[in-house]
């Protein structure tokens, strides 16, 4: 009888330890968070999106009226024609009109 009681206690202890190990959250590596912090810090310095340095997801996220297709078109235009010399050159990109440019002009810069 004592042996059965002892084995029951050991079983309960091991079961609770195994459940605690499974339920414990995995620690996320800090290196994965670093680029996000750097991106926010770089944008916070100027508060504007650089047409020559921003990637398609950044353009899509930060600019009003710019979806995935237009953001990719901006990056493709930049890659084929070289860096933008002015914000007004954005009108040369297919799908970008004066209304979209005027809506986003204060958010844009060219470096």
Protein backbone atom coordinates (compact mmCIF):
# COMPACT_ATOMS: atom_id res chain seq x y z
CA UNK A 1 0.00 0.00 0.00
CA UNK A 2 2.80 2.43 0.86
CA UNK A 3 4.56 1.68 -2.39
CA UNK A 4 1.42 2.50 -4.40
CA UNK A 5 1.02 5.79 -2.54
CA UNK A 6 4.68 6.65 -3.18
CA UNK A 7 4.36 5.89 -6.91
CA UNK A 8 1.23 8.03 -7.10
CA UNK A 9 3.09 10.98 -5.59
CA UNK A 10 6.02 10.54 -7.98
CA UNK A 11 3.62 10.30 -10.94
CA UNK A 12 1.81 13.49 -9.86
CA UNK A 13 5.11 15.34 -9.40
CA UNK A 14 6.45 14.32 -12.82
CA UNK A 15 3.15 15.11 -14.53
CA UNK A 16 2.98 18.60 -13.06
CA UNK A 17 6.62 19.26 -13.98
CA UNK A 18 6.01 18.15 -17.55
CA UNK A 19 2.87 20.32 -17.87
CA UNK A 20 4.76 23.32 -16.51
CA UNK A 21 7.55 22.78 -19.05
CA UNK A 22 5.09 22.53 -21.95
CA UNK A 23 3.03 25.53 -20.86
CA UNK A 24 6.02 27.82 -20.30
CA UNK A 25 6.26 30.47 -23.03
CA UNK A 26 9.27 30.32 -25.29
CA UNK A 27 11.56 33.32 -25.01
CA UNK A 28 11.73 35.28 -28.26
CA UNK A 29 15.24 36.20 -29.40
CA UNK A 30 16.07 39.88 -29.01
CA UNK A 31 17.82 40.02 -32.39
CA UNK A 32 14.51 39.58 -34.20
CA UNK A 33 13.13 42.73 -32.57
CA UNK A 34 16.12 44.95 -33.31
CA UNK A 35 15.34 45.83 -36.98
CA UNK A 36 11.84 46.95 -36.06
CA UNK A 37 13.21 49.28 -33.43
CA UNK A 38 15.79 50.67 -35.84
CA UNK A 39 13.13 51.25 -38.50
CA UNK A 40 10.95 53.18 -36.06
CA UNK A 41 13.92 55.18 -34.79
CA UNK A 42 15.02 56.12 -38.32
CA UNK A 43 11.51 57.26 -39.26
CA UNK A 44 11.08 59.15 -35.98
CA UNK A 45 14.13 61.29 -36.70
CA UNK A 46 12.67 62.87 -39.85
CA UNK A 47 9.05 61.79 -39.71
CA UNK A 48 9.10 61.30 -43.49
CA UNK A 49 9.44 58.38 -45.88
CA UNK A 50 12.49 58.43 -48.14
CA UNK A 51 11.45 57.54 -51.69
CA UNK A 52 14.96 56.32 -52.51
CA UNK A 53 15.41 54.16 -49.43
CA UNK A 54 12.00 52.75 -48.53
CA UNK A 55 11.00 49.25 -49.51
CA UNK A 56 7.55 48.29 -50.83
CA UNK A 57 6.04 47.25 -47.46
CA UNK A 58 7.16 50.54 -45.88
CA UNK A 59 5.67 52.58 -48.73
CA UNK A 60 2.43 50.63 -48.49
CA UNK A 61 2.22 51.03 -44.71
CA UNK A 62 3.15 54.70 -44.46
CA UNK A 63 1.51 56.28 -47.49
CA UNK A 64 -2.20 56.91 -47.98
CA UNK A 65 -3.73 55.41 -51.12
CA UNK A 66 -0.71 53.22 -51.83
CA UNK A 67 -1.44 49.50 -51.94
CA UNK A 68 0.83 46.58 -52.63
CA UNK A 69 0.79 47.00 -56.43
CA UNK A 70 1.56 50.73 -56.38
CA UNK A 71 4.29 50.27 -53.77
CA UNK A 72 5.93 47.61 -55.94
CA UNK A 73 5.56 49.90 -58.97
CA UNK A 74 7.40 52.68 -57.12
CA UNK A 75 10.26 50.34 -56.21
CA UNK A 76 10.40 48.94 -59.77
CA UNK A 77 10.50 52.46 -61.23
CA UNK A 78 13.33 53.38 -58.86
CA UNK A 79 15.28 50.24 -59.78
CA UNK A 80 14.91 50.76 -63.53
CA UNK A 81 15.33 54.57 -63.69
CA UNK A 82 17.64 55.25 -60.78
CA UNK A 83 16.92 57.22 -57.62
CA UNK A 84 14.22 59.86 -57.50
CA UNK A 85 15.54 63.40 -57.87
CA UNK A 86 12.39 65.02 -56.48
CA UNK A 87 9.08 64.08 -54.92
CA UNK A 88 7.28 65.31 -58.07
CA UNK A 89 9.02 62.59 -60.10
CA UNK A 90 6.65 60.15 -58.38
CA UNK A 91 4.03 61.23 -60.95
CA UNK A 92 6.01 59.28 -63.56
CA UNK A 93 5.13 56.00 -61.82
CA UNK A 94 2.16 54.24 -63.38
CA UNK A 95 -0.86 54.43 -61.08
CA UNK A 96 0.33 57.47 -59.13
CA UNK A 97 -1.63 60.60 -59.89
CA UNK A 98 -1.65 64.16 -58.64
CA UNK A 99 -4.29 63.43 -55.99
CA UNK A 100 -2.23 60.64 -54.38
CA UNK A 101 0.92 62.75 -54.55
CA UNK A 102 -0.79 65.77 -52.97
CA UNK A 103 -2.26 63.57 -50.23
CA UNK A 104 1.22 62.24 -49.32
CA UNK A 105 3.52 65.14 -50.19
CA UNK A 106 4.23 66.13 -46.56
CA UNK A 107 5.11 62.51 -45.71
CA UNK A 108 7.68 62.14 -48.52
CA UNK A 109 11.28 63.16 -48.95
CA UNK A 110 14.10 62.40 -51.37
CA UNK A 111 17.59 61.71 -50.01
